[in-house]
Amino acid sequence: MHTTVTDVLLVSEQQHRLTQALEPHISGQIMELHHTKHHQTYVNGLNAAEKQYVEAKTTEQKINLQSAIKFNGGGHVNHSFFWKILAPQSSGGGVLSDGPLKSAIERDFGSLEALKKDFNAKTAAIQGSGWGWLGYNKDRRRLEIVTTANQDPLLAPHVPIIGVDIWEHAFYLQYKNVKPDYLNAIWNVINFKQAETLLVQATKQ
């Protein structure tokens, strides 16, 4: 139950460090617009919706705000995750080293290349906008590829390990309408070290 309103602060230090560093795979212009315009819009929308929720006088008014909270809250949650799962190649982006994540990928998909192929195909097939996820299914104790529509976050029983934004604002300025090129490129800047940390945490919960 909402009793107070706490504005969501858009933490930009991590993203702005990445703005130019992800080139040539993701352009600095895309990263800058993605963060300061699109992510900021979700933060603003979430703050406004939560404020209205606290001030709502009736159950009907609160119900009417649920879609705005879900959409903008999901947009904020997803993008906050997205910035952390990216890393420049100079910092190890795109490199999957031996360890728990590589072992899990080989166990559940056969190889990293097989995972990429399956992930890219399922994510590119999303109709409209959405997200592609590599998630850890805590019930089945395995990695799985999942897609979500719009700004819906990945929820239980899955724990997000890798997430890729397939909204046009994430790639159109550079890759136009060729989603496969964007999906192939983004693997070069995936922060597999962060993904492995998330997997290890998920398996202990």
N, C-alpha and C. Protein backbone atom coordinates (compact mmCIF):
# COMPACT_ATOMS: atom_id res chain seq x y z
N MET A 1 0.85 -1.19 0.00
CA MET A 1 0.00 0.00 0.00
C MET A 1 0.89 1.24 0.00
N HIS A 2 0.57 2.18 -0.84
CA HIS A 2 1.36 3.40 -0.95
C HIS A 2 0.93 4.38 0.13
N THR A 3 1.86 4.82 0.96
CA THR A 3 1.56 5.81 1.98
C THR A 3 2.35 7.09 1.78
N THR A 4 3.45 6.99 1.08
CA THR A 4 4.25 8.18 0.81
C THR A 4 4.69 8.16 -0.64
N VAL A 5 5.16 9.28 -1.11
CA VAL A 5 5.66 9.38 -2.47
C VAL A 5 7.16 9.65 -2.41
N THR A 6 7.92 8.78 -2.99
CA THR A 6 9.37 8.98 -3.07
C THR A 6 9.75 9.03 -4.53
N ASP A 7 10.22 10.19 -4.98
CA ASP A 7 10.59 10.33 -6.38
C ASP A 7 11.72 9.37 -6.73
N VAL A 8 11.60 8.74 -7.89
CA VAL A 8 12.63 7.84 -8.38
C VAL A 8 13.72 8.69 -9.03
N LEU A 9 14.92 8.62 -8.48
CA LEU A 9 16.01 9.39 -9.05
C LEU A 9 16.65 8.63 -10.19
N LEU A 10 16.84 9.28 -11.30
CA LEU A 10 17.45 8.65 -12.47
C LEU A 10 18.96 8.70 -12.32
N VAL A 11 19.54 7.59 -11.89
CA VAL A 11 20.98 7.53 -11.69
C VAL A 11 21.66 7.39 -13.04
N SER A 12 22.48 8.36 -13.39
CA SER A 12 23.03 8.40 -14.74
C SER A 12 24.52 8.12 -14.83
N GLU A 13 25.20 8.02 -13.70
CA GLU A 13 26.65 7.88 -13.74
C GLU A 13 27.08 6.66 -14.55
N GLN A 14 26.46 5.50 -14.30
CA GLN A 14 26.84 4.28 -14.99
C GLN A 14 26.56 4.40 -16.49
N GLN A 15 25.38 4.88 -16.84
CA GLN A 15 25.02 4.96 -18.25
C GLN A 15 25.90 5.94 -19.01
N HIS A 16 26.14 7.11 -18.42
CA HIS A 16 26.92 8.11 -19.15
C HIS A 16 28.37 7.66 -19.33
N ARG A 17 28.86 6.84 -18.43
CA ARG A 17 30.19 6.27 -18.62
C ARG A 17 30.20 5.38 -19.85
N LEU A 18 29.05 4.81 -20.20
CA LEU A 18 28.97 3.89 -21.32
C LEU A 18 28.63 4.58 -22.64
N THR A 19 28.21 5.84 -22.59
CA THR A 19 27.62 6.47 -23.76
C THR A 19 28.43 6.28 -25.04
N GLN A 20 29.70 6.64 -25.00
CA GLN A 20 30.54 6.49 -26.19
C GLN A 20 31.27 5.15 -26.21
N ALA A 21 31.42 4.55 -25.04
CA ALA A 21 32.26 3.36 -24.93
C ALA A 21 31.69 2.14 -25.63
N LEU A 22 30.40 2.12 -25.93
CA LEU A 22 29.80 0.96 -26.58
C LEU A 22 29.91 1.02 -28.10
N GLU A 23 30.40 2.11 -28.63
CA GLU A 23 30.58 2.19 -30.08
C GLU A 23 31.69 1.24 -30.51
N PRO A 24 31.64 0.69 -31.72
CA PRO A 24 30.68 0.97 -32.79
C PRO A 24 29.40 0.14 -32.71
N HIS A 25 29.28 -0.70 -31.69
CA HIS A 25 28.16 -1.64 -31.65
C HIS A 25 26.83 -0.95 -31.31
N ILE A 26 26.87 -0.02 -30.35
CA ILE A 26 25.71 0.81 -30.03
C ILE A 26 26.20 2.25 -30.03
N SER A 27 25.60 3.10 -30.84
CA SER A 27 26.11 4.46 -31.00
C SER A 27 25.89 5.29 -29.74
N GLY A 28 26.79 6.25 -29.55
CA GLY A 28 26.66 7.16 -28.42
C GLY A 28 25.38 7.97 -28.48
N GLN A 29 24.96 8.33 -29.67
CA GLN A 29 23.72 9.10 -29.83
C GLN A 29 22.52 8.31 -29.34
N ILE A 30 22.47 7.03 -29.68
CA ILE A 30 21.38 6.19 -29.22
C ILE A 30 21.38 6.09 -27.70
N MET A 31 22.55 5.84 -27.12
CA MET A 31 22.62 5.69 -25.67
C MET A 31 22.20 6.97 -24.96
N GLU A 32 22.63 8.10 -25.47
CA GLU A 32 22.29 9.38 -24.84
C GLU A 32 20.79 9.64 -24.89
N LEU A 33 20.20 9.46 -26.07
CA LEU A 33 18.75 9.67 -26.20
C LEU A 33 17.97 8.64 -25.41
N HIS A 34 18.44 7.41 -25.43
CA HIS A 34 17.76 6.32 -24.74
C HIS A 34 17.66 6.63 -23.25
N HIS A 35 18.74 7.13 -22.71
CA HIS A 35 18.79 7.38 -21.28
C HIS A 35 18.10 8.69 -20.89
N THR A 36 18.49 9.79 -21.51
CA THR A 36 18.01 11.09 -21.07
C THR A 36 16.59 11.41 -21.52
N LYS A 37 16.12 10.75 -22.57
CA LYS A 37 14.76 11.00 -23.06
C LYS A 37 13.81 9.87 -22.69
N HIS A 38 14.13 8.67 -23.14
CA HIS A 38 13.18 7.57 -22.96
C HIS A 38 13.12 7.08 -21.51
N HIS A 39 14.27 6.75 -20.93
CA HIS A 39 14.25 6.30 -19.54
C HIS A 39 13.72 7.40 -18.63
N GLN A 40 14.11 8.62 -18.88
CA GLN A 40 13.64 9.72 -18.05
C GLN A 40 12.12 9.87 -18.12
N THR A 41 11.56 9.60 -19.29
CA THR A 41 10.10 9.68 -19.44
C THR A 41 9.40 8.66 -18.55
N TYR A 42 9.96 7.45 -18.47
CA TYR A 42 9.37 6.43 -17.60
C TYR A 42 9.47 6.84 -16.13
N VAL A 43 10.60 7.42 -15.75
CA VAL A 43 10.76 7.87 -14.37
C VAL A 43 9.74 8.96 -14.04
N ASN A 44 9.60 9.92 -14.93
CA ASN A 44 8.63 10.99 -14.71
C ASN A 44 7.21 10.45 -14.62
N GLY A 45 6.90 9.49 -15.51
CA GLY A 45 5.55 8.91 -15.50
C GLY A 45 5.27 8.12 -14.24
N LEU A 46 6.28 7.41 -13.76
CA LEU A 46 6.11 6.62 -12.53
C LEU A 46 5.90 7.54 -11.34
N ASN A 47 6.71 8.58 -11.24
CA ASN A 47 6.55 9.53 -10.14
C ASN A 47 5.16 10.16 -10.13
N ALA A 48 4.69 10.54 -11.31
CA ALA A 48 3.37 11.17 -11.41
C ALA A 48 2.26 10.20 -11.03
N ALA A 49 2.37 8.95 -11.52
CA ALA A 49 1.33 7.97 -11.24
C ALA A 49 1.29 7.60 -9.75
N GLU A 50 2.46 7.47 -9.13
CA GLU A 50 2.49 7.12 -7.71
C GLU A 50 1.95 8.28 -6.86
N LYS A 51 2.23 9.49 -7.26
CA LYS A 51 1.69 10.65 -6.54
C LYS A 51 0.17 10.66 -6.64
N GLN A 52 -0.35 10.41 -7.83
CA GLN A 52 -1.80 10.37 -8.01
C GLN A 52 -2.42 9.22 -7.22
N TYR A 53 -1.68 8.11 -7.11
CA TYR A 53 -2.20 6.95 -6.37
C TYR A 53 -2.36 7.30 -4.89
N VAL A 54 -1.36 7.97 -4.33
CA VAL A 54 -1.43 8.36 -2.92
C VAL A 54 -2.59 9.32 -2.69
N GLU A 55 -2.84 10.18 -3.64
CA GLU A 55 -3.87 11.19 -3.49
C GLU A 55 -5.26 10.69 -3.88
N ALA A 56 -5.33 9.49 -4.47
CA ALA A 56 -6.62 8.95 -4.93
C ALA A 56 -7.59 8.78 -3.75
N LYS A 57 -8.84 9.11 -3.99
CA LYS A 57 -9.85 9.05 -2.94
C LYS A 57 -10.69 7.78 -2.99
N THR A 58 -10.71 7.14 -4.15
CA THR A 58 -11.58 5.98 -4.30
C THR A 58 -10.80 4.79 -4.83
N THR A 59 -11.36 3.61 -4.60
CA THR A 59 -10.74 2.39 -5.13
C THR A 59 -10.71 2.43 -6.65
N GLU A 60 -11.76 2.97 -7.26
CA GLU A 60 -11.82 3.05 -8.71
C GLU A 60 -10.67 3.90 -9.26
N GLN A 61 -10.38 5.00 -8.59
CA GLN A 61 -9.29 5.86 -9.03
C GLN A 61 -7.95 5.13 -8.94
N LYS A 62 -7.77 4.35 -7.89
CA LYS A 62 -6.52 3.60 -7.72
C LYS A 62 -6.39 2.51 -8.79
N ILE A 63 -7.50 1.84 -9.07
CA ILE A 63 -7.48 0.81 -10.11
C ILE A 63 -7.13 1.43 -11.45
N ASN A 64 -7.64 2.60 -11.72
CA ASN A 64 -7.41 3.27 -12.99
C ASN A 64 -5.95 3.65 -13.19
N LEU A 65 -5.19 3.73 -12.11
CA LEU A 65 -3.79 4.11 -12.19
C LEU A 65 -2.85 2.92 -12.33
N GLN A 66 -3.38 1.71 -12.20
CA GLN A 66 -2.53 0.53 -12.21
C GLN A 66 -1.75 0.37 -13.51
N SER A 67 -2.39 0.64 -14.64
CA SER A 67 -1.70 0.46 -15.92
C SER A 67 -0.55 1.44 -16.07
N ALA A 68 -0.71 2.66 -15.60
CA ALA A 68 0.37 3.66 -15.69
C ALA A 68 1.53 3.27 -14.78
N ILE A 69 1.22 2.76 -13.60
CA ILE A 69 2.28 2.33 -12.68
C ILE A 69 3.02 1.14 -13.25
N LYS A 70 2.27 0.19 -13.83
CA LYS A 70 2.90 -0.99 -14.41
C LYS A 70 3.79 -0.61 -15.60
N PHE A 71 3.28 0.22 -16.50
CA PHE A 71 4.03 0.58 -17.70
C PHE A 71 5.28 1.39 -17.37
N ASN A 72 5.10 2.47 -16.62
CA ASN A 72 6.23 3.34 -16.31
C ASN A 72 7.18 2.71 -15.29
N GLY A 73 6.61 1.98 -14.33
CA GLY A 73 7.46 1.28 -13.37
C GLY A 73 8.27 0.20 -14.05
N GLY A 74 7.64 -0.53 -14.96
CA GLY A 74 8.36 -1.54 -15.71
C GLY A 74 9.45 -0.94 -16.57
N GLY A 75 9.15 0.21 -17.18
CA GLY A 75 10.15 0.88 -18.00
C GLY A 75 11.36 1.30 -17.19
N HIS A 76 11.13 1.77 -15.99
CA HIS A 76 12.24 2.17 -15.12
C HIS A 76 13.03 0.95 -14.65
N VAL A 77 12.34 -0.08 -14.21
CA VAL A 77 13.02 -1.29 -13.73
C VAL A 77 13.84 -1.92 -14.85
N ASN A 78 13.24 -2.06 -16.02
CA ASN A 78 13.92 -2.71 -17.14
C ASN A 78 15.16 -1.94 -17.59
N HIS A 79 15.03 -0.62 -17.71
CA HIS A 79 16.16 0.16 -18.19
C HIS A 79 17.28 0.24 -17.15
N SER A 80 16.92 0.30 -15.88
CA SER A 80 17.93 0.28 -14.83
C SER A 80 18.75 -1.00 -14.90
N PHE A 81 18.07 -2.10 -15.19
CA PHE A 81 18.76 -3.39 -15.37
C PHE A 81 19.61 -3.36 -16.63
N PHE A 82 19.09 -2.81 -17.70
CA PHE A 82 19.74 -2.81 -19.01
C PHE A 82 21.11 -2.13 -18.96
N TRP A 83 21.18 -0.95 -18.31
CA TRP A 83 22.47 -0.24 -18.27
C TRP A 83 23.55 -1.09 -17.59
N LYS A 84 23.15 -1.84 -16.59
CA LYS A 84 24.14 -2.62 -15.84
C LYS A 84 24.59 -3.87 -16.57
N ILE A 85 23.80 -4.33 -17.54
CA ILE A 85 24.14 -5.57 -18.24
C ILE A 85 24.93 -5.27 -19.51
N LEU A 86 25.33 -4.01 -19.70
CA LEU A 86 26.16 -3.61 -20.83
C LEU A 86 27.54 -3.20 -20.33
N ALA A 87 28.56 -3.49 -21.13
CA ALA A 87 29.92 -3.09 -20.76
C ALA A 87 30.74 -2.91 -22.03
N PRO A 88 31.61 -1.91 -22.06
CA PRO A 88 32.47 -1.73 -23.23
C PRO A 88 33.41 -2.91 -23.39
N GLN A 89 33.83 -3.16 -24.61
CA GLN A 89 34.74 -4.27 -24.85
C GLN A 89 36.06 -4.09 -24.12
N SER A 90 36.47 -2.84 -23.89
CA SER A 90 37.71 -2.58 -23.17
C SER A 90 37.63 -3.02 -21.71
N SER A 91 36.39 -3.23 -21.23
CA SER A 91 36.19 -3.69 -19.85
C SER A 91 35.67 -5.13 -19.80
N GLY A 92 35.83 -5.83 -20.90
CA GLY A 92 35.42 -7.24 -20.92
C GLY A 92 34.06 -7.50 -21.50
N GLY A 93 33.41 -6.46 -22.02
CA GLY A 93 32.11 -6.66 -22.65
C GLY A 93 32.19 -7.65 -23.80
N GLY A 94 31.24 -8.57 -23.85
CA GLY A 94 31.19 -9.56 -24.92
C GLY A 94 32.00 -10.81 -24.67
N VAL A 95 32.73 -10.85 -23.55
CA VAL A 95 33.59 -12.00 -23.27
C VAL A 95 32.97 -12.87 -22.19
N LEU A 96 32.71 -14.12 -22.53
CA LEU A 96 32.18 -15.09 -21.57
C LEU A 96 33.33 -15.99 -21.13
N SER A 97 33.78 -15.80 -19.91
CA SER A 97 34.89 -16.58 -19.39
C SER A 97 34.39 -17.86 -18.74
N ASP A 98 35.30 -18.78 -18.50
CA ASP A 98 34.94 -20.00 -17.80
C ASP A 98 34.38 -19.67 -16.43
N GLY A 99 33.33 -20.38 -16.05
CA GLY A 99 32.71 -20.13 -14.76
C GLY A 99 31.29 -20.63 -14.73
N PRO A 100 30.55 -20.30 -13.68
CA PRO A 100 29.18 -20.82 -13.51
C PRO A 100 28.24 -20.46 -14.66
N LEU A 101 28.36 -19.24 -15.20
CA LEU A 101 27.45 -18.85 -16.27
C LEU A 101 27.73 -19.63 -17.54
N LYS A 102 28.99 -19.74 -17.91
CA LYS A 102 29.34 -20.49 -19.11
C LYS A 102 28.91 -21.95 -18.97
N SER A 103 29.12 -22.51 -17.80
CA SER A 103 28.71 -23.90 -17.58
C SER A 103 27.20 -24.07 -17.70
N ALA A 104 26.45 -23.11 -17.16
CA ALA A 104 24.99 -23.18 -17.23
C ALA A 104 24.49 -23.02 -18.66
N ILE A 105 25.11 -22.11 -19.41
CA ILE A 105 24.72 -21.92 -20.81
C ILE A 105 24.99 -23.18 -21.61
N GLU A 106 26.14 -23.78 -21.43
CA GLU A 106 26.47 -25.01 -22.16
C GLU A 106 25.57 -26.16 -21.75
N ARG A 107 25.18 -26.20 -20.49
CA ARG A 107 24.28 -27.25 -20.02
C ARG A 107 22.88 -27.09 -20.63
N ASP A 108 22.38 -25.86 -20.67
CA ASP A 108 20.98 -25.64 -21.06
C ASP A 108 20.79 -25.33 -22.54
N PHE A 109 21.86 -24.90 -23.24
CA PHE A 109 21.73 -24.54 -24.65
C PHE A 109 22.74 -25.23 -25.56
N GLY A 110 23.76 -25.81 -24.99
CA GLY A 110 24.78 -26.48 -25.78
C GLY A 110 26.02 -25.65 -25.98
N SER A 111 25.83 -24.35 -26.26
CA SER A 111 26.96 -23.44 -26.46
C SER A 111 26.45 -22.02 -26.42
N LEU A 112 27.39 -21.06 -26.30
CA LEU A 112 27.01 -19.66 -26.33
C LEU A 112 26.43 -19.30 -27.69
N GLU A 113 27.01 -19.82 -28.76
CA GLU A 113 26.50 -19.51 -30.09
C GLU A 113 25.08 -20.02 -30.28
N ALA A 114 24.78 -21.18 -29.72
CA ALA A 114 23.42 -21.72 -29.80
C ALA A 114 22.44 -20.85 -29.02
N LEU A 115 22.89 -20.36 -27.85
CA LEU A 115 22.06 -19.44 -27.07
C LEU A 115 21.77 -18.17 -27.85
N LYS A 116 22.81 -17.57 -28.42
CA LYS A 116 22.64 -16.34 -29.19
C LYS A 116 21.63 -16.53 -30.32
N LYS A 117 21.76 -17.63 -31.05
CA LYS A 117 20.88 -17.88 -32.19
C LYS A 117 19.43 -18.01 -31.74
N ASP A 118 19.20 -18.76 -30.67
CA ASP A 118 17.84 -18.96 -30.16
C ASP A 118 17.29 -17.66 -29.58
N PHE A 119 18.10 -16.97 -28.80
CA PHE A 119 17.70 -15.71 -28.17
C PHE A 119 17.34 -14.67 -29.23
N ASN A 120 18.20 -14.52 -30.22
CA ASN A 120 17.96 -13.51 -31.26
C ASN A 120 16.70 -13.81 -32.06
N ALA A 121 16.48 -15.08 -32.36
CA ALA A 121 15.29 -15.45 -33.14
C ALA A 121 14.01 -15.15 -32.37
N LYS A 122 13.99 -15.51 -31.09
CA LYS A 122 12.78 -15.30 -30.29
C LYS A 122 12.55 -13.82 -29.99
N THR A 123 13.64 -13.08 -29.79
CA THR A 123 13.49 -11.66 -29.49
C THR A 123 13.09 -10.88 -30.73
N ALA A 124 13.67 -11.21 -31.87
CA ALA A 124 13.31 -10.54 -33.12
C ALA A 124 11.86 -10.80 -33.51
N ALA A 125 11.30 -11.90 -33.04
CA ALA A 125 9.93 -12.28 -33.39
C ALA A 125 8.88 -11.55 -32.56
N ILE A 126 9.30 -10.77 -31.58
CA ILE A 126 8.34 -10.00 -30.78
C ILE A 126 7.56 -9.07 -31.69
N GLN A 127 6.27 -9.11 -31.60
CA GLN A 127 5.42 -8.23 -32.40
C GLN A 127 5.28 -6.90 -31.66
N GLY A 128 5.71 -5.83 -32.32
CA GLY A 128 5.68 -4.54 -31.66
C GLY A 128 6.90 -4.37 -30.79
N SER A 129 6.70 -3.85 -29.59
CA SER A 129 7.81 -3.55 -28.70
C SER A 129 7.86 -4.52 -27.53
N GLY A 130 9.05 -4.67 -26.96
CA GLY A 130 9.18 -5.57 -25.82
C GLY A 130 10.63 -5.81 -25.46
N TRP A 131 10.86 -6.88 -24.72
CA TRP A 131 12.18 -7.23 -24.22
C TRP A 131 12.45 -8.71 -24.41
N GLY A 132 13.71 -9.02 -24.70
CA GLY A 132 14.16 -10.40 -24.72
C GLY A 132 14.99 -10.65 -23.48
N TRP A 133 14.78 -11.80 -22.84
CA TRP A 133 15.44 -12.09 -21.58
C TRP A 133 16.10 -13.47 -21.58
N LEU A 134 17.24 -13.54 -20.95
CA LEU A 134 17.77 -14.81 -20.48
C LEU A 134 17.50 -14.82 -18.99
N GLY A 135 16.62 -15.71 -18.57
CA GLY A 135 16.24 -15.74 -17.17
C GLY A 135 16.56 -17.08 -16.53
N TYR A 136 16.77 -17.04 -15.24
CA TYR A 136 16.98 -18.27 -14.48
C TYR A 136 15.65 -18.66 -13.85
N ASN A 137 15.13 -19.82 -14.25
CA ASN A 137 13.87 -20.33 -13.71
C ASN A 137 14.16 -21.03 -12.38
N LYS A 138 13.74 -20.41 -11.29
CA LYS A 138 14.06 -20.96 -9.97
C LYS A 138 13.30 -22.25 -9.67
N ASP A 139 12.17 -22.44 -10.34
CA ASP A 139 11.42 -23.69 -10.14
C ASP A 139 12.08 -24.85 -10.87
N ARG A 140 12.54 -24.59 -12.08
CA ARG A 140 13.13 -25.65 -12.90
C ARG A 140 14.66 -25.71 -12.78
N ARG A 141 15.24 -24.70 -12.11
CA ARG A 141 16.69 -24.66 -11.88
C ARG A 141 17.47 -24.69 -13.19
N ARG A 142 17.06 -23.85 -14.12
CA ARG A 142 17.74 -23.80 -15.41
C ARG A 142 17.55 -22.43 -16.04
N LEU A 143 18.40 -22.14 -17.04
CA LEU A 143 18.28 -20.92 -17.81
C LEU A 143 17.25 -21.09 -18.91
N GLU A 144 16.47 -20.04 -19.16
CA GLU A 144 15.45 -20.09 -20.21
C GLU A 144 15.37 -18.74 -20.91
N ILE A 145 14.99 -18.76 -22.17
CA ILE A 145 14.76 -17.54 -22.93
C ILE A 145 13.29 -17.18 -22.82
N VAL A 146 13.03 -15.93 -22.45
CA VAL A 146 11.66 -15.47 -22.25
C VAL A 146 11.53 -14.10 -22.93
N THR A 147 10.37 -13.81 -23.49
CA THR A 147 10.11 -12.47 -24.01
C THR A 147 8.93 -11.86 -23.27
N THR A 148 8.97 -10.54 -23.12
CA THR A 148 7.86 -9.82 -22.51
C THR A 148 7.46 -8.67 -23.42
N ALA A 149 6.19 -8.33 -23.39
CA ALA A 149 5.67 -7.26 -24.23
C ALA A 149 5.84 -5.91 -23.56
N ASN A 150 5.92 -4.88 -24.38
CA ASN A 150 5.94 -3.49 -23.92
C ASN A 150 7.05 -3.28 -22.88
N GLN A 151 6.69 -2.82 -21.68
CA GLN A 151 7.69 -2.64 -20.63
C GLN A 151 7.46 -3.62 -19.47
N ASP A 152 6.81 -4.73 -19.75
CA ASP A 152 6.60 -5.71 -18.69
C ASP A 152 7.95 -6.28 -18.25
N PRO A 153 8.26 -6.24 -16.95
CA PRO A 153 9.52 -6.82 -16.48
C PRO A 153 9.42 -8.33 -16.40
N LEU A 154 10.55 -8.97 -16.25
CA LEU A 154 10.60 -10.42 -16.07
C LEU A 154 10.37 -10.71 -14.59
N LEU A 155 9.36 -11.52 -14.31
CA LEU A 155 8.97 -11.78 -12.93
C LEU A 155 9.08 -13.26 -12.59
N ALA A 156 8.85 -13.57 -11.32
CA ALA A 156 8.94 -14.94 -10.81
C ALA A 156 8.07 -15.88 -11.65
N PRO A 157 8.56 -17.12 -11.87
CA PRO A 157 9.70 -17.75 -11.20
C PRO A 157 11.05 -17.42 -11.82
N HIS A 158 11.06 -16.51 -12.81
CA HIS A 158 12.32 -16.19 -13.48
C HIS A 158 13.05 -15.03 -12.78
N VAL A 159 14.36 -15.13 -12.76
CA VAL A 159 15.23 -14.05 -12.33
C VAL A 159 15.99 -13.57 -13.55
N PRO A 160 15.94 -12.28 -13.89
CA PRO A 160 16.63 -11.81 -15.10
C PRO A 160 18.15 -11.91 -14.96
N ILE A 161 18.77 -12.47 -15.99
CA ILE A 161 20.22 -12.60 -16.04
C ILE A 161 20.78 -11.68 -17.14
N ILE A 162 20.15 -11.69 -18.30
CA ILE A 162 20.47 -10.78 -19.40
C ILE A 162 19.15 -10.27 -19.96
N GLY A 163 19.08 -8.98 -20.26
CA GLY A 163 17.88 -8.41 -20.85
C GLY A 163 18.24 -7.49 -21.99
N VAL A 164 17.50 -7.57 -23.08
CA VAL A 164 17.77 -6.74 -24.26
C VAL A 164 16.50 -6.00 -24.68
N ASP A 165 16.61 -4.71 -24.76
CA ASP A 165 15.51 -3.83 -25.17
C ASP A 165 15.33 -3.94 -26.68
N ILE A 166 14.12 -4.29 -27.13
CA ILE A 166 13.85 -4.42 -28.56
C ILE A 166 12.86 -3.35 -29.03
N TRP A 167 12.64 -2.33 -28.18
CA TRP A 167 11.90 -1.16 -28.64
C TRP A 167 12.73 -0.45 -29.71
N GLU A 168 12.07 0.17 -30.68
CA GLU A 168 12.80 0.82 -31.77
C GLU A 168 13.75 1.90 -31.28
N HIS A 169 13.42 2.54 -30.18
CA HIS A 169 14.31 3.63 -29.71
C HIS A 169 15.68 3.10 -29.30
N ALA A 170 15.79 1.78 -29.09
CA ALA A 170 17.06 1.19 -28.67
C ALA A 170 18.02 0.97 -29.84
N PHE A 171 17.50 1.02 -31.08
CA PHE A 171 18.38 0.65 -32.20
C PHE A 171 18.11 1.37 -33.51
N TYR A 172 16.96 2.02 -33.68
CA TYR A 172 16.54 2.45 -35.02
C TYR A 172 17.49 3.47 -35.65
N LEU A 173 18.03 4.40 -34.88
CA LEU A 173 18.92 5.42 -35.46
C LEU A 173 20.15 4.80 -36.11
N GLN A 174 20.54 3.64 -35.63
CA GLN A 174 21.75 3.00 -36.16
C GLN A 174 21.45 1.82 -37.07
N TYR A 175 20.46 1.03 -36.71
CA TYR A 175 20.19 -0.22 -37.44
C TYR A 175 18.89 -0.20 -38.24
N LYS A 176 18.21 0.98 -38.24
CA LYS A 176 16.93 1.11 -38.96
C LYS A 176 15.96 0.02 -38.50
N ASN A 177 15.35 -0.68 -39.44
CA ASN A 177 14.38 -1.71 -39.06
C ASN A 177 14.97 -3.12 -39.09
N VAL A 178 16.29 -3.22 -39.09
CA VAL A 178 16.95 -4.53 -39.19
C VAL A 178 17.27 -5.02 -37.78
N LYS A 179 16.29 -5.58 -37.12
CA LYS A 179 16.47 -6.06 -35.75
C LYS A 179 17.60 -7.08 -35.61
N PRO A 180 17.73 -8.03 -36.55
CA PRO A 180 18.80 -9.03 -36.39
C PRO A 180 20.20 -8.42 -36.30
N ASP A 181 20.46 -7.34 -37.04
CA ASP A 181 21.78 -6.71 -36.98
C ASP A 181 22.04 -6.13 -35.59
N TYR A 182 21.02 -5.49 -35.04
CA TYR A 182 21.14 -4.94 -33.68
C TYR A 182 21.36 -6.06 -32.65
N LEU A 183 20.60 -7.12 -32.78
CA LEU A 183 20.72 -8.22 -31.83
C LEU A 183 22.07 -8.91 -31.93
N ASN A 184 22.57 -9.06 -33.14
CA ASN A 184 23.91 -9.64 -33.30
C ASN A 184 24.97 -8.74 -32.68
N ALA A 185 24.81 -7.43 -32.84
CA ALA A 185 25.81 -6.48 -32.36
C ALA A 185 25.85 -6.38 -30.85
N ILE A 186 24.70 -6.45 -30.21
CA ILE A 186 24.66 -6.16 -28.78
C ILE A 186 25.39 -7.21 -27.95
N TRP A 187 25.55 -8.40 -28.48
CA TRP A 187 26.29 -9.43 -27.74
C TRP A 187 27.75 -9.03 -27.54
N ASN A 188 28.25 -8.12 -28.38
CA ASN A 188 29.63 -7.66 -28.25
C ASN A 188 29.85 -6.76 -27.03
N VAL A 189 28.75 -6.29 -26.45
CA VAL A 189 28.88 -5.41 -25.28
C VAL A 189 28.04 -5.91 -24.10
N ILE A 190 27.69 -7.17 -24.10
CA ILE A 190 26.99 -7.75 -22.95
C ILE A 190 27.99 -7.93 -21.82
N ASN A 191 27.59 -7.53 -20.64
CA ASN A 191 28.43 -7.64 -19.45
C ASN A 191 28.23 -9.02 -18.83
N PHE A 192 28.97 -9.99 -19.34
CA PHE A 192 28.81 -11.36 -18.86
C PHE A 192 29.26 -11.51 -17.40
N LYS A 193 30.16 -10.65 -16.95
CA LYS A 193 30.58 -10.71 -15.54
C LYS A 193 29.40 -10.37 -14.63
N GLN A 194 28.66 -9.32 -14.99
CA GLN A 194 27.48 -8.96 -14.21
C GLN A 194 26.42 -10.05 -14.30
N ALA A 195 26.23 -10.61 -15.49
CA ALA A 195 25.25 -11.68 -15.67
C ALA A 195 25.61 -12.88 -14.79
N GLU A 196 26.87 -13.21 -14.71
CA GLU A 196 27.29 -14.34 -13.87
C GLU A 196 27.02 -14.06 -12.40
N THR A 197 27.27 -12.84 -11.98
CA THR A 197 26.97 -12.46 -10.60
C THR A 197 25.50 -12.65 -10.29
N LEU A 198 24.64 -12.23 -11.21
CA LEU A 198 23.20 -12.37 -11.02
C LEU A 198 22.79 -13.84 -10.96
N LEU A 199 23.41 -14.66 -11.80
CA LEU A 199 23.09 -16.09 -11.80
C LEU A 199 23.50 -16.73 -10.48
N VAL A 200 24.68 -16.43 -10.01
CA VAL A 200 25.15 -17.00 -8.75
C VAL A 200 24.22 -16.61 -7.61
N GLN A 201 23.80 -15.35 -7.59
CA GLN A 201 22.87 -14.89 -6.56
C GLN A 201 21.54 -15.61 -6.65
N ALA A 202 21.05 -15.81 -7.89
CA ALA A 202 19.75 -16.45 -8.08
C ALA A 202 19.77 -17.90 -7.63
N THR A 203 20.86 -18.59 -7.86
CA THR A 203 20.93 -20.01 -7.49
C THR A 203 21.05 -20.21 -6.00
N LYS A 204 21.41 -19.16 -5.27
CA LYS A 204 21.54 -19.27 -3.81
C LYS A 204 20.25 -18.92 -3.09
N GLN A 205 19.34 -18.29 -3.79
CA GLN A 205 18.09 -17.85 -3.14
C GLN A 205 17.12 -19.00 -2.94
